[in-house]
C-alpha cells in the first residue's frame, strides 16, 4: 500500500446563457461557467488532483478540449470513467478536500448535495469528501464576480 496525494486547480469565467454546475450540481444563477465541457471547475480540480496523485498527467491529456466528444460533457460522468480506469491500474481514491472560491451564489445551501455528488463520482463515502467555500473579498477576477475557481487535494491508495 502506498498513500499518495495530488493537488488540482481550475478556474473558469462566468458568462450569460450558461449553466452554473459545481460538483455535478446545477446551481441557480444568472450566469454560468464558460468552457468546452460543462465547465464544472470543482469536478475538474478534483480530477486533476486525482490524476496528480496517480502520476497520470492532467485532465487535458485525458479529456482534451479539442475533442468534440467532450463538448458540453457531464464532468461527473467523465470522473467516473477516470476513477474506473485508475482502479484498473491499482489506484483508489481515499479522501478529497476542496475549496470553491466565488462571490455568489452562496455555496452553503448546496454543500451536502455537492459532497454527495462528488462522493458518488469518486466511489467514496460522504464523510470522505469535504467542500469548503470562500470569496475573493473583492480582489481579482473572483472578487469582481467575473469567474469561479476551485482547489482540490485528493489522497489515493496505490497498490
Protein backbone atom coordinates (compact mmCIF):
# COMPACT_ATOMS: atom_id res chain seq x y z
CA UNK A 1 0.00 0.00 0.00
CA UNK A 2 1.27 3.44 -0.96
CA UNK A 3 -0.56 6.62 0.06
CA UNK A 4 -0.16 9.48 -2.40
CA UNK A 5 -1.64 12.97 -2.64
CA UNK A 6 -2.39 15.23 -5.60
CA UNK A 7 -3.42 18.86 -5.97
CA UNK A 8 -5.81 20.22 -8.57
CA UNK A 9 -6.81 23.75 -9.53
CA UNK A 10 -9.22 25.14 -12.10
CA UNK A 11 -10.94 28.40 -12.91
CA UNK A 12 -13.49 29.49 -15.49
CA UNK A 13 -15.11 32.80 -16.30
CA UNK A 14 -18.80 33.42 -15.80
CA UNK A 15 -20.97 34.25 -18.81
CA UNK A 16 -24.64 34.69 -19.60
CA UNK A 17 -26.50 31.81 -21.20
CA UNK A 18 -24.55 29.03 -19.46
CA UNK A 19 -25.45 26.77 -16.54
CA UNK A 20 -23.53 27.04 -13.27
CA UNK A 21 -22.55 23.50 -12.36
CA UNK A 22 -20.34 22.79 -9.34
CA UNK A 23 -19.51 19.28 -8.24
CA UNK A 24 -22.17 17.95 -10.60
CA UNK A 25 -24.94 20.08 -9.08
CA UNK A 26 -26.74 22.69 -11.18
CA UNK A 27 -26.97 25.92 -9.15
CA UNK A 28 -29.49 28.61 -9.94
CA UNK A 29 -27.65 31.76 -11.04
CA UNK A 30 -27.92 34.43 -13.73
CA UNK A 31 -24.63 33.29 -15.31
CA UNK A 32 -22.80 30.03 -15.73
CA UNK A 33 -19.25 28.90 -16.36
CA UNK A 34 -17.71 29.13 -19.81
CA UNK A 35 -15.91 26.07 -21.15
CA UNK A 36 -15.81 23.21 -23.63
CA UNK A 37 -17.48 20.67 -21.33
CA UNK A 38 -20.00 21.62 -18.63
CA UNK A 39 -17.15 23.79 -17.20
CA UNK A 40 -17.58 22.31 -13.70
CA UNK A 41 -14.47 23.86 -12.11
CA UNK A 42 -14.84 21.90 -8.89
CA UNK A 43 -15.03 18.50 -10.55
CA UNK A 44 -12.18 19.46 -12.89
CA UNK A 45 -9.98 20.39 -9.92
CA UNK A 46 -10.82 17.07 -8.24
CA UNK A 47 -10.00 15.14 -11.42
CA UNK A 48 -6.64 16.93 -11.78
CA UNK A 49 -5.84 16.19 -8.12
CA UNK A 50 -6.73 12.53 -8.66
CA UNK A 51 -4.54 12.36 -11.76
CA UNK A 52 -1.69 14.07 -9.90
CA UNK A 53 -1.87 11.56 -7.05
CA UNK A 54 -1.86 8.71 -9.57
CA UNK A 55 1.04 10.23 -11.54
CA UNK A 56 -1.10 10.08 -14.69
CA UNK A 57 -0.90 13.55 -16.21
CA UNK A 58 -3.75 16.04 -16.21
CA UNK A 59 -7.37 16.38 -17.29
CA UNK A 60 -6.41 17.99 -20.61
CA UNK A 61 -4.46 14.88 -21.61
CA UNK A 62 -7.35 12.56 -20.77
CA UNK A 63 -10.25 14.70 -21.98
CA UNK A 64 -8.86 17.33 -24.40
CA UNK A 65 -10.98 20.40 -25.13
CA UNK A 66 -10.15 19.90 -28.81
CA UNK A 67 -12.13 16.64 -28.85
CA UNK A 68 -15.77 17.08 -29.93
CA UNK A 69 -16.77 14.05 -27.80
CA UNK A 70 -16.33 16.19 -24.69
CA UNK A 71 -18.35 19.21 -25.89
CA UNK A 72 -20.83 20.01 -23.08
CA UNK A 73 -19.82 16.73 -21.38
CA UNK A 74 -21.01 15.93 -17.85
CA UNK A 75 -17.84 16.20 -15.75
CA UNK A 76 -19.10 13.79 -13.07
CA UNK A 77 -19.59 11.16 -15.79
CA UNK A 78 -16.03 11.82 -17.00
CA UNK A 79 -14.78 11.46 -13.42
CA UNK A 80 -16.48 8.06 -13.16
CA UNK A 81 -14.63 6.95 -16.32
CA UNK A 82 -11.37 8.23 -14.85
CA UNK A 83 -11.91 6.53 -11.48
CA UNK A 84 -12.65 3.19 -13.21
CA UNK A 85 -9.51 3.49 -15.34
CA UNK A 86 -7.33 4.33 -12.34
CA UNK A 87 -8.86 1.49 -10.29
CA UNK A 88 -7.83 -0.87 -13.11
CA UNK A 89 -4.29 0.45 -12.59
CA UNK A 90 -4.45 -0.22 -8.84
CA UNK A 91 -5.15 3.38 -7.74
CA UNK A 92 -8.16 4.03 -5.47
CA UNK A 93 -9.24 7.42 -4.07
CA UNK A 94 -9.45 7.55 -0.27
CA UNK A 95 -10.19 11.20 0.59
CA UNK A 96 -10.96 14.51 -1.12
CA UNK A 97 -10.81 18.03 0.31
CA UNK A 98 -11.88 21.00 -1.82
CA UNK A 99 -12.33 24.77 -1.75
CA UNK A 100 -14.56 26.73 -4.12
CA UNK A 101 -13.78 30.44 -4.44
CA UNK A 102 -16.67 32.58 -5.71
CA UNK A 103 -18.73 35.60 -4.77
CA UNK A 104 -22.21 34.24 -5.45
CA UNK A 105 -24.39 32.31 -5.21
CA UNK A 106 -23.67 31.15 -1.68
CA UNK A 107 -22.48 27.56 -1.62
CA UNK A 108 -23.74 26.61 1.86
CA UNK A 109 -27.29 25.59 0.80
CA UNK A 110 -25.81 23.22 -1.80
CA UNK A 111 -22.81 21.86 0.10
CA UNK A 112 -24.25 18.45 1.06
CA UNK A 113 -25.63 17.80 -2.44
CA UNK A 114 -22.23 18.66 -3.93
CA UNK A 115 -20.43 16.41 -1.44
CA UNK A 116 -22.82 13.55 -2.24
CA UNK A 117 -22.32 14.03 -5.98
CA UNK A 118 -18.52 14.11 -5.73
CA UNK A 119 -18.53 11.13 -3.35
CA UNK A 120 -20.56 9.14 -5.87
CA UNK A 121 -18.20 10.03 -8.71
CA UNK A 122 -15.16 9.10 -6.64
CA UNK A 123 -16.79 5.96 -5.15
CA UNK A 124 -16.18 7.30 -1.65
CA UNK A 125 -18.37 7.59 1.44
CA UNK A 126 -19.90 11.04 2.01
CA UNK A 127 -17.65 11.58 5.05
CA UNK A 128 -14.53 11.20 2.89
CA UNK A 129 -15.35 14.26 0.77
CA UNK A 130 -15.19 17.82 2.07
CA UNK A 131 -16.34 21.00 0.33
CA UNK A 132 -15.41 24.44 1.64
CA UNK A 133 -16.34 27.86 0.28
CA UNK A 134 -14.51 31.16 0.19
CA UNK A 135 -14.79 34.50 -1.58
CA UNK A 136 -12.31 36.76 -3.31
CA UNK A 137 -13.06 39.62 -0.89
CA UNK A 138 -13.36 41.97 -3.87
CA UNK A 139 -9.91 41.06 -5.22
CA UNK A 140 -9.08 39.67 -8.66
CA UNK A 141 -11.41 38.03 -11.17
CA UNK A 142 -13.23 36.10 -8.46
CA UNK A 143 -13.68 39.14 -6.25
CA UNK A 144 -15.13 41.07 -9.19
CA UNK A 145 -17.56 38.14 -9.77
CA UNK A 146 -16.07 37.50 -13.22
CA UNK A 147 -15.33 33.83 -12.57
CA UNK A 148 -15.10 30.91 -10.18
CA UNK A 149 -12.03 29.00 -9.02
CA UNK A 150 -11.62 25.68 -7.23
CA UNK A 151 -8.80 23.86 -5.48
CA UNK A 152 -8.75 20.17 -4.55
CA UNK A 153 -6.49 17.76 -2.73
CA UNK A 154 -7.09 14.05 -3.23
CA UNK A 155 -5.36 11.18 -1.47
CA UNK A 156 -5.20 7.75 -3.05
CA UNK A 157 -4.12 4.26 -2.12
CA UNK A 158 -1.87 2.99 -4.90
CA UNK A 159 -1.23 -0.75 -4.87
